Amino acid sequence: MPSEAAKLLWDASRAADKVTAFVRGQTFDDYLRNDLLRSAVERQLEVIGEALAQLRRLDPVWAQRIPELHRIVGMRNVLVHGYASVDDALTWGVVEGHLPALRERLSVLLQALPPAS
């Protein structure tokens, strides 16, 4: 795996960790009321999607190891290009329902990286 691909995995993992920290102890109502929280979460989801989109181009074999990659990149596209129509309930559902599994998968992939030479 090229070192740039490893960096992209690390970037996605770090962004996922940030989202988890941002929403810890928060409810969906808190999320709706807090523009700063929503902005922070959306930004980190954009980072995740962009990093994984680049990984897909740079190293498709490793990218295939990430379930639902196309949906992650698709969400990034909505957040970036369809920002006026972002569905807060959908975004919160992704954070609560899908982000934990993605964080786990990214952690496994990072541990499986070959040693840097």
PDB file of N, CA and C in Angstrom:
ATOM      1  N   MET A   1       0.854  -1.175   0.000  1.00  0.00           N
ATOM      2  CA  MET A   1       0.000   0.000   0.000  1.00  0.00           C
ATOM      3  C   MET A   1       0.897   1.234   0.000  1.00  0.00           C
ATOM      4  N   PRO A   2       0.600   2.165  -0.906  1.00  0.00           N
ATOM      5  CA  PRO A   2       1.367   3.418  -0.908  1.00  0.00           C
ATOM      6  C   PRO A   2       1.161   4.186   0.398  1.00  0.00           C
ATOM      7  N   SER A   3       2.186   4.907   0.806  1.00  0.00           N
ATOM      8  CA  SER A   3       2.091   5.647   2.070  1.00  0.00           C
ATOM      9  C   SER A   3       0.952   6.663   2.038  1.00  0.00           C
ATOM     10  N   GLU A   4       0.641   7.217   0.857  1.00  0.00           N
ATOM     11  CA  GLU A   4      -0.473   8.169   0.752  1.00  0.00           C
ATOM     12  C   GLU A   4      -1.802   7.479   1.065  1.00  0.00           C
ATOM     13  N   ALA A   5      -1.945   6.235   0.655  1.00  0.00           N
ATOM     14  CA  ALA A   5      -3.168   5.485   0.949  1.00  0.00           C
ATOM     15  C   ALA A   5      -3.297   5.250   2.457  1.00  0.00           C
ATOM     16  N   ALA A   6      -2.201   4.934   3.095  1.00  0.00           N
ATOM     17  CA  ALA A   6      -2.224   4.756   4.550  1.00  0.00           C
ATOM     18  C   ALA A   6      -2.614   6.050   5.246  1.00  0.00           C
ATOM     19  N   LYS A   7      -2.118   7.178   4.751  1.00  0.00           N
ATOM     20  CA  LYS A   7      -2.471   8.471   5.325  1.00  0.00           C
ATOM     21  C   LYS A   7      -3.966   8.737   5.177  1.00  0.00           C
ATOM     22  N   LEU A   8      -4.532   8.366   4.050  1.00  0.00           N
ATOM     23  CA  LEU A   8      -5.962   8.570   3.836  1.00  0.00           C
ATOM     24  C   LEU A   8      -6.791   7.756   4.820  1.00  0.00           C
ATOM     25  N   LEU A   9      -6.383   6.519   5.078  1.00  0.00           N
ATOM     26  CA  LEU A   9      -7.068   5.708   6.088  1.00  0.00           C
ATOM     27  C   LEU A   9      -6.969   6.372   7.460  1.00  0.00           C
ATOM     28  N   TRP A  10      -5.786   6.860   7.771  1.00  0.00           N
ATOM     29  CA  TRP A  10      -5.590   7.522   9.058  1.00  0.00           C
ATOM     30  C   TRP A  10      -6.445   8.777   9.146  1.00  0.00           C
ATOM     31  N   ASP A  11      -6.514   9.564   8.082  1.00  0.00           N
ATOM     32  CA  ASP A  11      -7.335  10.782   8.079  1.00  0.00           C
ATOM     33  C   ASP A  11      -8.802  10.455   8.314  1.00  0.00           C
ATOM     34  N   ALA A  12      -9.300   9.427   7.638  1.00  0.00           N
ATOM     35  CA  ALA A  12     -10.702   9.026   7.811  1.00  0.00           C
ATOM     36  C   ALA A  12     -10.950   8.552   9.232  1.00  0.00           C
ATOM     37  N   SER A  13     -10.023   7.798   9.775  1.00  0.00           N
ATOM     38  CA  SER A  13     -10.169   7.297  11.136  1.00  0.00           C
ATOM     39  C   SER A  13     -10.176   8.431  12.155  1.00  0.00           C
ATOM     40  N   ARG A  14      -9.275   9.353  11.981  1.00  0.00           N
ATOM     41  CA  ARG A  14      -9.198  10.513  12.894  1.00  0.00           C
ATOM     42  C   ARG A  14     -10.478  11.342  12.825  1.00  0.00           C
ATOM     43  N   ALA A  15     -11.005  11.558  11.636  1.00  0.00           N
ATOM     44  CA  ALA A  15     -12.244  12.326  11.488  1.00  0.00           C
ATOM     45  C   ALA A  15     -13.406  11.591  12.151  1.00  0.00           C
ATOM     46  N   ALA A  16     -13.455  10.287  12.005  1.00  0.00           N
ATOM     47  CA  ALA A  16     -14.517   9.494  12.644  1.00  0.00           C
ATOM     48  C   ALA A  16     -14.410   9.590  14.167  1.00  0.00           C
ATOM     49  N   ASP A  17     -13.197   9.562  14.672  1.00  0.00           N
ATOM     50  CA  ASP A  17     -12.993   9.721  16.123  1.00  0.00           C
ATOM     51  C   ASP A  17     -13.465  11.093  16.595  1.00  0.00           C
ATOM     52  N   LYS A  18     -13.213  12.111  15.792  1.00  0.00           N
ATOM     53  CA  LYS A  18     -13.653  13.465  16.163  1.00  0.00           C
ATOM     54  C   LYS A  18     -15.171  13.541  16.235  1.00  0.00           C
ATOM     55  N   VAL A  19     -15.854  12.974  15.253  1.00  0.00           N
ATOM     56  CA  VAL A  19     -17.322  12.984  15.284  1.00  0.00           C
ATOM     57  C   VAL A  19     -17.815  12.310  16.543  1.00  0.00           C
ATOM     58  N   THR A  20     -17.240  11.179  16.871  1.00  0.00           N
ATOM     59  CA  THR A  20     -17.647  10.449  18.070  1.00  0.00           C
ATOM     60  C   THR A  20     -17.464  11.307  19.313  1.00  0.00           C
ATOM     61  N   ALA A  21     -16.359  12.002  19.394  1.00  0.00           N
ATOM     62  CA  ALA A  21     -16.116  12.883  20.542  1.00  0.00           C
ATOM     63  C   ALA A  21     -17.102  14.052  20.554  1.00  0.00           C
ATOM     64  N   PHE A  22     -17.379  14.613  19.393  1.00  0.00           N
ATOM     65  CA  PHE A  22     -18.295  15.766  19.315  1.00  0.00           C
ATOM     66  C   PHE A  22     -19.698  15.411  19.815  1.00  0.00           C
ATOM     67  N   VAL A  23     -20.174  14.215  19.483  1.00  0.00           N
ATOM     68  CA  VAL A  23     -21.569  13.866  19.798  1.00  0.00           C
ATOM     69  C   VAL A  23     -21.724  13.124  21.127  1.00  0.00           C
ATOM     70  N   ARG A  24     -20.617  12.816  21.773  1.00  0.00           N
ATOM     71  CA  ARG A  24     -20.698  12.092  23.049  1.00  0.00           C
ATOM     72  C   ARG A  24     -21.586  12.869  24.020  1.00  0.00           C
ATOM     73  N   GLY A  25     -22.610  12.207  24.542  1.00  0.00           N
ATOM     74  CA  GLY A  25     -23.511  12.822  25.511  1.00  0.00           C
ATOM     75  C   GLY A  25     -24.574  13.712  24.895  1.00  0.00           C
ATOM     76  N   GLN A  26     -24.591  13.814  23.579  1.00  0.00           N
ATOM     77  CA  GLN A  26     -25.556  14.672  22.891  1.00  0.00           C
ATOM     78  C   GLN A  26     -26.745  13.843  22.403  1.00  0.00           C
ATOM     79  N   THR A  27     -27.888  14.473  22.309  1.00  0.00           N
ATOM     80  CA  THR A  27     -29.080  13.841  21.738  1.00  0.00           C
ATOM     81  C   THR A  27     -29.342  14.445  20.365  1.00  0.00           C
ATOM     82  N   PHE A  28     -30.288  13.855  19.662  1.00  0.00           N
ATOM     83  CA  PHE A  28     -30.664  14.407  18.367  1.00  0.00           C
ATOM     84  C   PHE A  28     -31.202  15.825  18.526  1.00  0.00           C
ATOM     85  N   ASP A  29     -31.968  16.066  19.580  1.00  0.00           N
ATOM     86  CA  ASP A  29     -32.464  17.430  19.819  1.00  0.00           C
ATOM     87  C   ASP A  29     -31.319  18.405  20.068  1.00  0.00           C
ATOM     88  N   ASP A  30     -30.313  17.970  20.828  1.00  0.00           N
ATOM     89  CA  ASP A  30     -29.130  18.817  21.027  1.00  0.00           C
ATOM     90  C   ASP A  30     -28.476  19.137  19.680  1.00  0.00           C
ATOM     91  N   TYR A  31     -28.373  18.120  18.854  1.00  0.00           N
ATOM     92  CA  TYR A  31     -27.767  18.271  17.532  1.00  0.00           C
ATOM     93  C   TYR A  31     -28.530  19.302  16.698  1.00  0.00           C
ATOM     94  N   LEU A  32     -29.843  19.210  16.720  1.00  0.00           N
ATOM     95  CA  LEU A  32     -30.664  20.140  15.943  1.00  0.00           C
ATOM     96  C   LEU A  32     -30.532  21.581  16.420  1.00  0.00           C
ATOM     97  N   ARG A  33     -30.373  21.748  17.721  1.00  0.00           N
ATOM     98  CA  ARG A  33     -30.308  23.095  18.299  1.00  0.00           C
ATOM     99  C   ARG A  33     -28.927  23.740  18.214  1.00  0.00           C
ATOM    100  N   ASN A  34     -27.919  22.967  17.877  1.00  0.00           N
ATOM    101  CA  ASN A  34     -26.548  23.458  17.966  1.00  0.00           C
ATOM    102  C   ASN A  34     -25.907  23.547  16.575  1.00  0.00           C
ATOM    103  N   ASP A  35     -25.920  24.744  16.011  1.00  0.00           N
ATOM    104  CA  ASP A  35     -25.334  24.945  14.675  1.00  0.00           C
ATOM    105  C   ASP A  35     -23.864  24.560  14.632  1.00  0.00           C
ATOM    106  N   LEU A  36     -23.140  24.875  15.683  1.00  0.00           N
ATOM    107  CA  LEU A  36     -21.716  24.560  15.721  1.00  0.00           C
ATOM    108  C   LEU A  36     -21.493  23.043  15.695  1.00  0.00           C
ATOM    109  N   LEU A  37     -22.275  22.310  16.472  1.00  0.00           N
ATOM    110  CA  LEU A  37     -22.156  20.849  16.494  1.00  0.00           C
ATOM    111  C   LEU A  37     -22.481  20.267  15.124  1.00  0.00           C
ATOM    112  N   ARG A  38     -23.582  20.711  14.525  1.00  0.00           N
ATOM    113  CA  ARG A  38     -23.954  20.199  13.207  1.00  0.00           C
ATOM    114  C   ARG A  38     -22.856  20.494  12.188  1.00  0.00           C
ATOM    115  N   SER A  39     -22.325  21.691  12.222  1.00  0.00           N
ATOM    116  CA  SER A  39     -21.272  22.065  11.281  1.00  0.00           C
ATOM    117  C   SER A  39     -20.023  21.211  11.481  1.00  0.00           C
ATOM    118  N   ALA A  40     -19.661  20.985  12.717  1.00  0.00           N
ATOM    119  CA  ALA A  40     -18.466  20.186  13.009  1.00  0.00           C
ATOM    120  C   ALA A  40     -18.645  18.746  12.548  1.00  0.00           C
ATOM    121  N   VAL A  41     -19.800  18.172  12.836  1.00  0.00           N
ATOM    122  CA  VAL A  41     -20.069  16.791  12.433  1.00  0.00           C
ATOM    123  C   VAL A  41     -20.066  16.688  10.912  1.00  0.00           C
ATOM    124  N   GLU A  42     -20.782  17.594  10.253  1.00  0.00           N
ATOM    125  CA  GLU A  42     -20.835  17.547   8.791  1.00  0.00           C
ATOM    126  C   GLU A  42     -19.444  17.686   8.187  1.00  0.00           C
ATOM    127  N   ARG A  43     -18.636  18.573   8.717  1.00  0.00           N
ATOM    128  CA  ARG A  43     -17.285  18.765   8.177  1.00  0.00           C
ATOM    129  C   ARG A  43     -16.459  17.491   8.290  1.00  0.00           C
ATOM    130  N   GLN A  44     -16.516  16.835   9.421  1.00  0.00           N
ATOM    131  CA  GLN A  44     -15.730  15.618   9.598  1.00  0.00           C
ATOM    132  C   GLN A  44     -16.261  14.478   8.728  1.00  0.00           C
ATOM    133  N   LEU A  45     -17.569  14.433   8.516  1.00  0.00           N
ATOM    134  CA  LEU A  45     -18.117  13.437   7.595  1.00  0.00           C
ATOM    135  C   LEU A  45     -17.642  13.717   6.164  1.00  0.00           C
ATOM    136  N   GLU A  46     -17.512  14.990   5.818  1.00  0.00           N
ATOM    137  CA  GLU A  46     -16.949  15.352   4.515  1.00  0.00           C
ATOM    138  C   GLU A  46     -15.510  14.847   4.399  1.00  0.00           C
ATOM    139  N   VAL A  47     -14.736  15.026   5.455  1.00  0.00           N
ATOM    140  CA  VAL A  47     -13.335  14.569   5.457  1.00  0.00           C
ATOM    141  C   VAL A  47     -13.284  13.057   5.262  1.00  0.00           C
ATOM    142  N   ILE A  48     -14.125  12.334   5.979  1.00  0.00           N
ATOM    143  CA  ILE A  48     -14.163  10.874   5.842  1.00  0.00           C
ATOM    144  C   ILE A  48     -14.464  10.503   4.394  1.00  0.00           C
ATOM    145  N   GLY A  49     -15.508  11.090   3.837  1.00  0.00           N
ATOM    146  CA  GLY A  49     -15.898  10.765   2.471  1.00  0.00           C
ATOM    147  C   GLY A  49     -14.845  11.116   1.448  1.00  0.00           C
ATOM    148  N   GLU A  50     -14.214  12.261   1.618  1.00  0.00           N
ATOM    149  CA  GLU A  50     -13.172  12.673   0.676  1.00  0.00           C
ATOM    150  C   GLU A  50     -11.944  11.762   0.785  1.00  0.00           C
ATOM    151  N   ALA A  51     -11.535  11.454   1.993  1.00  0.00           N
ATOM    152  CA  ALA A  51     -10.374  10.570   2.175  1.00  0.00           C
ATOM    153  C   ALA A  51     -10.633   9.205   1.547  1.00  0.00           C
ATOM    154  N   LEU A  52     -11.829   8.683   1.742  1.00  0.00           N
ATOM    155  CA  LEU A  52     -12.127   7.360   1.195  1.00  0.00           C
ATOM    156  C   LEU A  52     -12.344   7.402  -0.314  1.00  0.00           C
ATOM    157  N   ALA A  53     -12.838   8.512  -0.839  1.00  0.00           N
ATOM    158  CA  ALA A  53     -12.947   8.657  -2.294  1.00  0.00           C
ATOM    159  C   ALA A  53     -11.553   8.667  -2.922  1.00  0.00           C
ATOM    160  N   GLN A  54     -10.632   9.364  -2.291  1.00  0.00           N
ATOM    161  CA  GLN A  54      -9.255   9.384  -2.793  1.00  0.00           C
ATOM    162  C   GLN A  54      -8.607   8.010  -2.660  1.00  0.00           C
ATOM    163  N   LEU A  55      -8.885   7.319  -1.559  1.00  0.00           N
ATOM    164  CA  LEU A  55      -8.353   5.969  -1.376  1.00  0.00           C
ATOM    165  C   LEU A  55      -8.853   5.053  -2.490  1.00  0.00           C
ATOM    166  N   ARG A  56     -10.121   5.178  -2.840  1.00  0.00           N
ATOM    167  CA  ARG A  56     -10.698   4.351  -3.908  1.00  0.00           C
ATOM    168  C   ARG A  56      -9.953   4.568  -5.223  1.00  0.00           C
ATOM    169  N   ARG A  57      -9.547   5.791  -5.502  1.00  0.00           N
ATOM    170  CA  ARG A  57      -8.797   6.076  -6.731  1.00  0.00           C
ATOM    171  C   ARG A  57      -7.347   5.604  -6.638  1.00  0.00           C
ATOM    172  N   LEU A  58      -6.742   5.775  -5.473  1.00  0.00           N
ATOM    173  CA  LEU A  58      -5.327   5.475  -5.291  1.00  0.00           C
ATOM    174  C   LEU A  58      -5.049   3.983  -5.091  1.00  0.00           C
ATOM    175  N   ASP A  59      -5.907   3.320  -4.328  1.00  0.00           N
ATOM    176  CA  ASP A  59      -5.680   1.911  -4.009  1.00  0.00           C
ATOM    177  C   ASP A  59      -7.024   1.196  -3.896  1.00  0.00           C
ATOM    178  N   PRO A  60      -7.615   0.850  -5.038  1.00  0.00           N
ATOM    179  CA  PRO A  60      -8.940   0.235  -5.034  1.00  0.00           C
ATOM    180  C   PRO A  60      -9.023  -1.081  -4.257  1.00  0.00           C
ATOM    181  N   VAL A  61      -7.928  -1.804  -4.184  1.00  0.00           N
ATOM    182  CA  VAL A  61      -7.940  -3.080  -3.460  1.00  0.00           C
ATOM    183  C   VAL A  61      -8.202  -2.840  -1.976  1.00  0.00           C
ATOM    184  N   TRP A  62      -7.507  -1.879  -1.389  1.00  0.00           N
ATOM    185  CA  TRP A  62      -7.742  -1.563   0.020  1.00  0.00           C
ATOM    186  C   TRP A  62      -9.108  -0.918   0.210  1.00  0.00           C
ATOM    187  N   ALA A  63      -9.516  -0.090  -0.717  1.00  0.00           N
ATOM    188  CA  ALA A  63     -10.813   0.579  -0.611  1.00  0.00           C
ATOM    189  C   ALA A  63     -11.952  -0.431  -0.591  1.00  0.00           C
ATOM    190  N   GLN A  64     -11.790  -1.537  -1.319  1.00  0.00           N
ATOM    191  CA  GLN A  64     -12.824  -2.578  -1.345  1.00  0.00           C
ATOM    192  C   GLN A  64     -13.044  -3.197   0.033  1.00  0.00           C
ATOM    193  N   ARG A  65     -12.136  -3.022   0.925  1.00  0.00           N
ATOM    194  CA  ARG A  65     -12.247  -3.594   2.271  1.00  0.00           C
ATOM    195  C   ARG A  65     -13.142  -2.760   3.183  1.00  0.00           C
ATOM    196  N   ILE A  66     -13.663  -1.661   2.663  1.00  0.00           N
ATOM    197  CA  ILE A  66     -14.527  -0.781   3.449  1.00  0.00           C
ATOM    198  C   ILE A  66     -15.961  -0.956   2.963  1.00  0.00           C
ATOM    199  N   PRO A  67     -16.791  -1.623   3.770  1.00  0.00           N
ATOM    200  CA  PRO A  67     -18.181  -1.818   3.366  1.00  0.00           C
ATOM    201  C   PRO A  67     -18.887  -0.474   3.167  1.00  0.00           C
ATOM    202  N   GLU A  68     -19.776  -0.443   2.214  1.00  0.00           N
ATOM    203  CA  GLU A  68     -20.609   0.738   1.956  1.00  0.00           C
ATOM    204  C   GLU A  68     -19.799   1.964   1.529  1.00  0.00           C
ATOM    205  N   LEU A  69     -18.631   1.732   0.968  1.00  0.00           N
ATOM    206  CA  LEU A  69     -17.782   2.856   0.558  1.00  0.00           C
ATOM    207  C   LEU A  69     -18.530   3.817  -0.366  1.00  0.00           C
ATOM    208  N   HIS A  70     -19.271   3.267  -1.309  1.00  0.00           N
ATOM    209  CA  HIS A  70     -19.986   4.134  -2.257  1.00  0.00           C
ATOM    210  C   HIS A  70     -21.004   5.021  -1.553  1.00  0.00           C
ATOM    211  N   ARG A  71     -21.619   4.518  -0.475  1.00  0.00           N
ATOM    212  CA  ARG A  71     -22.592   5.316   0.270  1.00  0.00           C
ATOM    213  C   ARG A  71     -21.893   6.403   1.097  1.00  0.00           C
ATOM    214  N   ILE A  72     -20.725   6.096   1.614  1.00  0.00           N
ATOM    215  CA  ILE A  72     -19.957   7.073   2.390  1.00  0.00           C
ATOM    216  C   ILE A  72     -19.551   8.236   1.489  1.00  0.00           C
ATOM    217  N   VAL A  73     -19.048   7.901   0.317  1.00  0.00           N
ATOM    218  CA  VAL A  73     -18.644   8.939  -0.643  1.00  0.00           C
ATOM    219  C   VAL A  73     -19.875   9.711  -1.114  1.00  0.00           C
ATOM    220  N   GLY A  74     -20.981   9.009  -1.309  1.00  0.00           N
ATOM    221  CA  GLY A  74     -22.214   9.675  -1.711  1.00  0.00           C
ATOM    222  C   GLY A  74     -22.693  10.670  -0.675  1.00  0.00           C
ATOM    223  N   MET A  75     -22.566  10.318   0.599  1.00  0.00           N
ATOM    224  CA  MET A  75     -22.965  11.254   1.648  1.00  0.00           C
ATOM    225  C   MET A  75     -22.061  12.478   1.627  1.00  0.00           C
ATOM    226  N   ARG A  76     -20.795  12.265   1.415  1.00  0.00           N
ATOM    227  CA  ARG A  76     -19.866  13.397   1.311  1.00  0.00           C
ATOM    228  C   ARG A  76     -20.302  14.332   0.195  1.00  0.00           C
ATOM    229  N   ASN A  77     -20.708  13.759  -0.926  1.00  0.00           N
ATOM    230  CA  ASN A  77     -21.135  14.575  -2.059  1.00  0.00           C
ATOM    231  C   ASN A  77     -22.378  15.391  -1.723  1.00  0.00           C
ATOM    232  N   VAL A  78     -23.305  14.799  -1.003  1.00  0.00           N
ATOM    233  CA  VAL A  78     -24.508  15.529  -0.591  1.00  0.00           C
ATOM    234  C   VAL A  78     -24.127  16.668   0.354  1.00  0.00           C
ATOM    235  N   LEU A  79     -23.262  16.380   1.311  1.00  0.00           N
ATOM    236  CA  LEU A  79     -22.864  17.407   2.274  1.00  0.00           C
ATOM    237  C   LEU A  79     -22.158  18.578   1.587  1.00  0.00           C
ATOM    238  N   VAL A  80     -21.345  18.274   0.592  1.00  0.00           N
ATOM    239  CA  VAL A  80     -20.579  19.317  -0.079  1.00  0.00           C
ATOM    240  C   VAL A  80     -21.407  20.049  -1.129  1.00  0.00           C
ATOM    241  N   HIS A  81     -22.112  19.294  -1.947  1.00  0.00           N
ATOM    242  CA  HIS A  81     -22.796  19.900  -3.089  1.00  0.00           C
ATOM    243  C   HIS A  81     -24.275  20.157  -2.858  1.00  0.00           C
ATOM    244  N   GLY A  82     -24.870  19.419  -1.937  1.00  0.00           N
ATOM    245  CA  GLY A  82     -26.301  19.590  -1.685  1.00  0.00           C
ATOM    246  C   GLY A  82     -26.557  20.135  -0.299  1.00  0.00           C
ATOM    247  N   TYR A  83     -25.629  20.969   0.166  1.00  0.00           N
ATOM    248  CA  TYR A  83     -25.663  21.461   1.544  1.00  0.00           C
ATOM    249  C   TYR A  83     -27.001  22.083   1.934  1.00  0.00           C
ATOM    250  N   ALA A  84     -27.738  22.639   0.985  1.00  0.00           N
ATOM    251  CA  ALA A  84     -29.017  23.281   1.300  1.00  0.00           C
ATOM    252  C   ALA A  84     -30.106  22.252   1.589  1.00  0.00           C
ATOM    253  N   SER A  85     -29.844  20.998   1.232  1.00  0.00           N
ATOM    254  CA  SER A  85     -30.866  19.973   1.429  1.00  0.00           C
ATOM    255  C   SER A  85     -30.395  18.836   2.330  1.00  0.00           C
ATOM    256  N   VAL A  86     -29.444  19.105   3.200  1.00  0.00           N
ATOM    257  CA  VAL A  86     -28.947  18.075   4.111  1.00  0.00           C
ATOM    258  C   VAL A  86     -30.054  17.689   5.083  1.00  0.00           C
ATOM    259  N   ASP A  87     -30.276  16.392   5.207  1.00  0.00           N
ATOM    260  CA  ASP A  87     -31.292  15.857   6.105  1.00  0.00           C
ATOM    261  C   ASP A  87     -30.631  15.573   7.459  1.00  0.00           C
ATOM    262  N   ASP A  88     -30.957  16.397   8.453  1.00  0.00           N
ATOM    263  CA  ASP A  88     -30.322  16.254   9.768  1.00  0.00           C
ATOM    264  C   ASP A  88     -30.614  14.900  10.403  1.00  0.00           C
ATOM    265  N   ALA A  89     -31.812  14.387  10.209  1.00  0.00           N
ATOM    266  CA  ALA A  89     -32.158  13.081  10.785  1.00  0.00           C
ATOM    267  C   ALA A  89     -31.324  11.976  10.138  1.00  0.00           C
ATOM    268  N   LEU A  90     -31.121  12.068   8.839  1.00  0.00           N
ATOM    269  CA  LEU A  90     -30.292  11.087   8.142  1.00  0.00           C
ATOM    270  C   LEU A  90     -28.848  11.172   8.628  1.00  0.00           C
ATOM    271  N   THR A  91     -28.341  12.390   8.745  1.00  0.00           N
ATOM    272  CA  THR A  91     -26.969  12.577   9.214  1.00  0.00           C
ATOM    273  C   THR A  91     -26.799  12.004  10.617  1.00  0.00           C
ATOM    274  N   TRP A  92     -27.727  12.312  11.516  1.00  0.00           N
ATOM    275  CA  TRP A  92     -27.654  11.788  12.872  1.00  0.00           C
ATOM    276  C   TRP A  92     -27.754  10.261  12.862  1.00  0.00           C
ATOM    277  N   GLY A  93     -28.608   9.727  12.003  1.00  0.00           N
ATOM    278  CA  GLY A  93     -28.740   8.275  11.891  1.00  0.00           C
ATOM    279  C   GLY A  93     -27.443   7.613  11.455  1.00  0.00           C
ATOM    280  N   VAL A  94     -26.721   8.262  10.555  1.00  0.00           N
ATOM    281  CA  VAL A  94     -25.428   7.749  10.120  1.00  0.00           C
ATOM    282  C   VAL A  94     -24.442   7.770  11.287  1.00  0.00           C
ATOM    283  N   VAL A  95     -24.427   8.868  12.002  1.00  0.00           N
ATOM    284  CA  VAL A  95     -23.496   9.006  13.134  1.00  0.00           C
ATOM    285  C   VAL A  95     -23.781   7.937  14.190  1.00  0.00           C
ATOM    286  N   GLU A  96     -25.031   7.742  14.516  1.00  0.00           N
ATOM    287  CA  GLU A  96     -25.377   6.767  15.558  1.00  0.00           C
ATOM    288  C   GLU A  96     -25.360   5.324  15.061  1.00  0.00           C
ATOM    289  N   GLY A  97     -25.825   5.116  13.828  1.00  0.00           N
ATOM    290  CA  GLY A  97     -26.028   3.751  13.362  1.00  0.00           C
ATOM    291  C   GLY A  97     -24.910   3.146  12.552  1.00  0.00           C
ATOM    292  N   HIS A  98     -24.103   3.965  11.907  1.00  0.00           N
ATOM    293  CA  HIS A  98     -23.094   3.428  10.995  1.00  0.00           C
ATOM    294  C   HIS A  98     -21.660   3.810  11.340  1.00  0.00           C
ATOM    295  N   LEU A  99     -21.480   4.935  11.991  1.00  0.00           N
ATOM    296  CA  LEU A  99     -20.121   5.391  12.283  1.00  0.00           C
ATOM    297  C   LEU A  99     -19.346   4.443  13.201  1.00  0.00           C
ATOM    298  N   PRO A 100     -19.980   3.855  14.224  1.00  0.00           N
ATOM    299  CA  PRO A 100     -19.203   2.933  15.066  1.00  0.00           C
ATOM    300  C   PRO A 100     -18.589   1.771  14.271  1.00  0.00           C
ATOM    301  N   ALA A 101     -19.344   1.196  13.358  1.00  0.00           N
ATOM    302  CA  ALA A 101     -18.819   0.083  12.561  1.00  0.00           C
ATOM    303  C   ALA A 101     -17.709   0.557  11.627  1.00  0.00           C
ATOM    304  N   LEU A 102     -17.858   1.746  11.067  1.00  0.00           N
ATOM    305  CA  LEU A 102     -16.805   2.286  10.209  1.00  0.00           C
ATOM    306  C   LEU A 102     -15.538   2.533  11.014  1.00  0.00           C
ATOM    307  N   ARG A 103     -15.675   3.084  12.201  1.00  0.00           N
ATOM    308  CA  ARG A 103     -14.493   3.322  13.047  1.00  0.00           C
ATOM    309  C   ARG A 103     -13.771   2.005  13.324  1.00  0.00           C
ATOM    310  N   GLU A 104     -14.537   0.977  13.621  1.00  0.00           N
ATOM    311  CA  GLU A 104     -13.946  -0.336  13.898  1.00  0.00           C
ATOM    312  C   GLU A 104     -13.231  -0.871  12.659  1.00  0.00           C
ATOM    313  N   ARG A 105     -13.862  -0.757  11.501  1.00  0.00           N
ATOM    314  CA  ARG A 105     -13.265  -1.253  10.267  1.00  0.00           C
ATOM    315  C   ARG A 105     -11.972  -0.501   9.942  1.00  0.00           C
ATOM    316  N   LEU A 106     -11.996   0.808  10.101  1.00  0.00           N
ATOM    317  CA  LEU A 106     -10.787   1.599   9.836  1.00  0.00           C
ATOM    318  C   LEU A 106      -9.673   1.212  10.801  1.00  0.00           C
ATOM    319  N   SER A 107     -10.015   0.964  12.036  1.00  0.00           N
ATOM    320  CA  SER A 107      -9.015   0.544  13.019  1.00  0.00           C
ATOM    321  C   SER A 107      -8.381  -0.784  12.619  1.00  0.00           C
ATOM    322  N   VAL A 108      -9.199  -1.717  12.179  1.00  0.00           N
ATOM    323  CA  VAL A 108      -8.689  -3.026  11.740  1.00  0.00           C
ATOM    324  C   VAL A 108      -7.756  -2.851  10.537  1.00  0.00           C
ATOM    325  N   LEU A 109      -8.176  -2.017   9.591  1.00  0.00           N
ATOM    326  CA  LEU A 109      -7.347  -1.803   8.408  1.00  0.00           C
ATOM    327  C   LEU A 109      -6.022  -1.132   8.761  1.00  0.00           C
ATOM    328  N   LEU A 110      -6.078  -0.157   9.652  1.00  0.00           N
ATOM    329  CA  LEU A 110      -4.829   0.505  10.056  1.00  0.00           C
ATOM    330  C   LEU A 110      -3.878  -0.469  10.747  1.00  0.00           C
ATOM    331  N   GLN A 111      -4.426  -1.372  11.540  1.00  0.00           N
ATOM    332  CA  GLN A 111      -3.580  -2.373  12.210  1.00  0.00           C
ATOM    333  C   GLN A 111      -2.991  -3.373  11.219  1.00  0.00           C
ATOM    334  N   ALA A 112      -3.674  -3.571  10.089  1.00  0.00           N
ATOM    335  CA  ALA A 112      -3.230  -4.545   9.094  1.00  0.00           C
ATOM    336  C   ALA A 112      -2.217  -3.961   8.102  1.00  0.00           C
ATOM    337  N   LEU A 113      -1.954  -2.665   8.209  1.00  0.00           N
ATOM    338  CA  LEU A 113      -1.008  -2.055   7.272  1.00  0.00           C
ATOM    339  C   LEU A 113       0.368  -2.682   7.396  1.00  0.00           C
ATOM    340  N   PRO A 114       1.026  -2.862   6.279  1.00  0.00           N
ATOM    341  CA  PRO A 114       2.403  -3.343   6.356  1.00  0.00           C
ATOM    342  C   PRO A 114       3.282  -2.295   7.016  1.00  0.00           C
ATOM    343  N   PRO A 115       4.333  -2.705   7.681  1.00  0.00           N
ATOM    344  CA  PRO A 115       5.222  -1.737   8.329  1.00  0.00           C
ATOM    345  C   PRO A 115       5.811  -0.762   7.301  1.00  0.00           C
ATOM    346  N   ALA A 116       5.972   0.457   7.736  1.00  0.00           N
ATOM    347  CA  ALA A 116       6.574   1.479   6.855  1.00  0.00           C
ATOM    348  C   ALA A 116       8.018   1.115   6.593  1.00  0.00           C
ATOM    349  N   SER A 117       8.427   1.323   5.366  1.00  0.00           N
ATOM    350  CA  SER A 117       9.825   0.988   5.042  1.00  0.00           C
ATOM    351  C   SER A 117      10.668   2.223   4.913  1.00  0.00           C
TER     352      SER A 117
END
